[in-house]
């Protein structure tokens, strides 16, 4: 995520013409940052749920 933010900051700090292509690239990088953050939260929540769920015990062996 910080790499995305760094990329946006580098684009903003460059003294170049802010044409359509540059604006679109900046927007896409910002979108990527948001989606990455959301995915990270989603995976952290899923991990927490999996860690909180007890694993199924082995079924008892039958006699005969």
N, C-alpha and C. Protein backbone atom coordinates (compact mmCIF):
# COMPACT_ATOMS: atom_id res chain seq x y z
N UNK A 1 0.83 -1.18 0.00
CA UNK A 1 0.00 0.00 0.00
C UNK A 1 0.87 1.24 0.00
N UNK A 2 1.95 1.21 0.76
CA UNK A 2 2.80 2.39 0.78
C UNK A 2 3.46 2.61 -0.58
N UNK A 3 3.69 1.54 -1.32
CA UNK A 3 4.26 1.69 -2.66
C UNK A 3 3.29 2.44 -3.56
N UNK A 4 2.00 2.17 -3.42
CA UNK A 4 1.00 2.89 -4.21
C UNK A 4 0.98 4.36 -3.83
N UNK A 5 1.01 4.62 -2.53
CA UNK A 5 1.01 6.01 -2.08
C UNK A 5 2.27 6.73 -2.54
N UNK A 6 3.40 6.04 -2.48
CA UNK A 6 4.66 6.62 -2.94
C UNK A 6 4.60 6.95 -4.43
N UNK A 7 3.97 6.07 -5.21
CA UNK A 7 3.84 6.31 -6.64
C UNK A 7 2.99 7.53 -6.91
N UNK A 8 1.89 7.67 -6.20
CA UNK A 8 1.03 8.83 -6.37
C UNK A 8 1.79 10.10 -5.97
N UNK A 9 2.51 10.04 -4.86
CA UNK A 9 3.27 11.20 -4.41
C UNK A 9 4.34 11.59 -5.43
N UNK A 10 5.01 10.61 -6.02
CA UNK A 10 6.03 10.88 -7.04
C UNK A 10 5.41 11.56 -8.26
N UNK A 11 4.23 11.11 -8.64
CA UNK A 11 3.55 11.72 -9.79
C UNK A 11 3.18 13.17 -9.47
N UNK A 12 2.66 13.38 -8.27
CA UNK A 12 2.24 14.73 -7.87
C UNK A 12 3.43 15.68 -7.81
N UNK A 13 4.58 15.18 -7.35
CA UNK A 13 5.76 16.04 -7.19
C UNK A 13 6.50 16.33 -8.49
N UNK A 14 6.21 15.60 -9.54
CA UNK A 14 6.91 15.80 -10.81
C UNK A 14 6.37 17.04 -11.53
N UNK A 15 7.29 17.91 -11.99
CA UNK A 15 6.84 19.10 -12.71
C UNK A 15 6.56 18.77 -14.18
N UNK A 16 5.50 18.02 -14.43
CA UNK A 16 5.16 17.67 -15.81
C UNK A 16 3.72 18.03 -16.10
N UNK A 17 3.41 18.03 -17.38
CA UNK A 17 2.06 18.35 -17.82
C UNK A 17 1.09 17.29 -17.31
N UNK A 18 0.07 17.71 -16.62
CA UNK A 18 -0.93 16.78 -16.07
C UNK A 18 -2.00 16.52 -17.12
N UNK A 19 -1.65 15.72 -18.11
CA UNK A 19 -2.60 15.39 -19.16
C UNK A 19 -3.56 14.31 -18.71
N UNK A 20 -4.40 13.91 -19.63
CA UNK A 20 -5.43 12.91 -19.35
C UNK A 20 -4.80 11.59 -18.91
N UNK A 21 -3.76 11.15 -19.62
CA UNK A 21 -3.13 9.87 -19.30
C UNK A 21 -2.56 9.88 -17.88
N UNK A 22 -1.92 10.97 -17.51
CA UNK A 22 -1.33 11.06 -16.16
C UNK A 22 -2.41 11.09 -15.10
N UNK A 23 -3.47 11.84 -15.36
CA UNK A 23 -4.59 11.90 -14.42
C UNK A 23 -5.23 10.53 -14.25
N UNK A 24 -5.45 9.83 -15.36
CA UNK A 24 -6.05 8.49 -15.29
C UNK A 24 -5.14 7.52 -14.54
N UNK A 25 -3.85 7.59 -14.78
CA UNK A 25 -2.91 6.71 -14.09
C UNK A 25 -2.93 6.98 -12.59
N UNK A 26 -2.98 8.24 -12.21
CA UNK A 26 -3.04 8.60 -10.79
C UNK A 26 -4.31 8.07 -10.15
N UNK A 27 -5.42 8.22 -10.82
CA UNK A 27 -6.70 7.72 -10.29
C UNK A 27 -6.64 6.21 -10.12
N UNK A 28 -6.10 5.51 -11.11
CA UNK A 28 -6.02 4.04 -11.03
C UNK A 28 -5.11 3.59 -9.89
N UNK A 29 -4.02 4.29 -9.68
CA UNK A 29 -3.13 3.92 -8.57
C UNK A 29 -3.83 4.16 -7.24
N UNK A 30 -4.58 5.26 -7.13
CA UNK A 30 -5.33 5.51 -5.90
C UNK A 30 -6.39 4.42 -5.68
N UNK A 31 -7.06 4.00 -6.77
CA UNK A 31 -8.04 2.92 -6.65
C UNK A 31 -7.37 1.63 -6.20
N UNK A 32 -6.19 1.36 -6.75
CA UNK A 32 -5.45 0.17 -6.36
C UNK A 32 -5.11 0.20 -4.87
N UNK A 33 -4.77 1.37 -4.37
CA UNK A 33 -4.46 1.53 -2.95
C UNK A 33 -5.69 1.18 -2.11
N UNK A 34 -6.84 1.72 -2.49
CA UNK A 34 -8.07 1.46 -1.73
C UNK A 34 -8.43 -0.02 -1.78
N UNK A 35 -8.36 -0.63 -2.95
CA UNK A 35 -8.70 -2.04 -3.08
C UNK A 35 -7.72 -2.92 -2.30
N UNK A 36 -6.45 -2.56 -2.30
CA UNK A 36 -5.46 -3.32 -1.55
C UNK A 36 -5.73 -3.24 -0.06
N UNK A 37 -6.06 -2.04 0.43
CA UNK A 37 -6.38 -1.87 1.84
C UNK A 37 -7.62 -2.69 2.22
N UNK A 38 -8.63 -2.67 1.37
CA UNK A 38 -9.85 -3.44 1.64
C UNK A 38 -9.56 -4.94 1.64
N UNK A 39 -8.75 -5.40 0.71
CA UNK A 39 -8.40 -6.82 0.65
C UNK A 39 -7.62 -7.22 1.90
N UNK A 40 -6.72 -6.37 2.33
CA UNK A 40 -5.94 -6.65 3.53
C UNK A 40 -6.85 -6.79 4.76
N UNK A 41 -7.80 -5.87 4.89
CA UNK A 41 -8.75 -5.96 6.02
C UNK A 41 -9.60 -7.22 5.91
N UNK A 42 -10.05 -7.54 4.72
CA UNK A 42 -10.88 -8.73 4.50
C UNK A 42 -10.10 -10.00 4.88
N UNK A 43 -8.86 -10.09 4.44
CA UNK A 43 -8.04 -11.25 4.77
C UNK A 43 -7.74 -11.33 6.25
N UNK A 44 -7.51 -10.20 6.90
CA UNK A 44 -7.27 -10.19 8.34
C UNK A 44 -8.52 -10.67 9.09
N UNK A 45 -9.69 -10.21 8.64
CA UNK A 45 -10.94 -10.67 9.27
C UNK A 45 -11.14 -12.17 9.07
N UNK A 46 -10.85 -12.66 7.86
CA UNK A 46 -11.00 -14.08 7.58
C UNK A 46 -10.04 -14.90 8.44
N UNK A 47 -8.81 -14.43 8.58
CA UNK A 47 -7.83 -15.13 9.41
C UNK A 47 -8.30 -15.17 10.87
N UNK A 48 -8.83 -14.06 11.35
CA UNK A 48 -9.33 -14.02 12.73
C UNK A 48 -10.47 -15.02 12.93
N UNK A 49 -11.36 -15.11 11.94
CA UNK A 49 -12.46 -16.07 12.04
C UNK A 49 -11.94 -17.51 12.03
N UNK A 50 -10.98 -17.77 11.16
CA UNK A 50 -10.43 -19.12 11.09
C UNK A 50 -9.68 -19.48 12.36
N UNK A 51 -8.97 -18.52 12.92
CA UNK A 51 -8.24 -18.77 14.16
C UNK A 51 -9.18 -18.99 15.34
N UNK A 52 -10.35 -18.35 15.31
CA UNK A 52 -11.31 -18.48 16.40
C UNK A 52 -12.16 -19.73 16.30
N UNK A 53 -12.22 -20.34 15.13
CA UNK A 53 -13.04 -21.53 14.92
C UNK A 53 -12.26 -22.76 15.34
N UNK A 54 -12.82 -23.55 16.27
CA UNK A 54 -12.11 -24.77 16.66
C UNK A 54 -12.07 -25.76 15.51
N UNK A 55 -10.95 -26.43 15.38
CA UNK A 55 -10.83 -27.42 14.31
C UNK A 55 -11.67 -28.64 14.67
N UNK A 56 -12.28 -29.27 13.68
CA UNK A 56 -13.11 -30.45 13.96
C UNK A 56 -12.25 -31.58 14.53
N UNK A 57 -12.78 -32.22 15.55
CA UNK A 57 -12.04 -33.33 16.14
C UNK A 57 -12.19 -34.58 15.26
N UNK A 58 -11.27 -35.49 15.42
CA UNK A 58 -11.34 -36.72 14.63
C UNK A 58 -12.53 -37.53 15.09
N UNK A 59 -13.17 -38.16 14.13
CA UNK A 59 -14.34 -38.99 14.45
C UNK A 59 -13.84 -40.22 15.21
N UNK A 60 -14.60 -40.66 16.20
CA UNK A 60 -14.18 -41.85 16.96
C UNK A 60 -14.18 -43.09 16.06
N UNK A 61 -13.23 -43.93 16.32
CA UNK A 61 -13.11 -45.16 15.53
C UNK A 61 -14.24 -46.11 15.93
N UNK A 62 -14.88 -46.71 14.94
CA UNK A 62 -15.98 -47.64 15.20
C UNK A 62 -15.46 -49.02 15.55
N UNK A 63 -16.25 -49.75 16.27
CA UNK A 63 -15.90 -51.12 16.64
C UNK A 63 -16.61 -52.07 15.69
N UNK A 64 -15.87 -52.55 14.73
CA UNK A 64 -16.35 -53.63 13.89
C UNK A 64 -17.13 -53.22 12.77
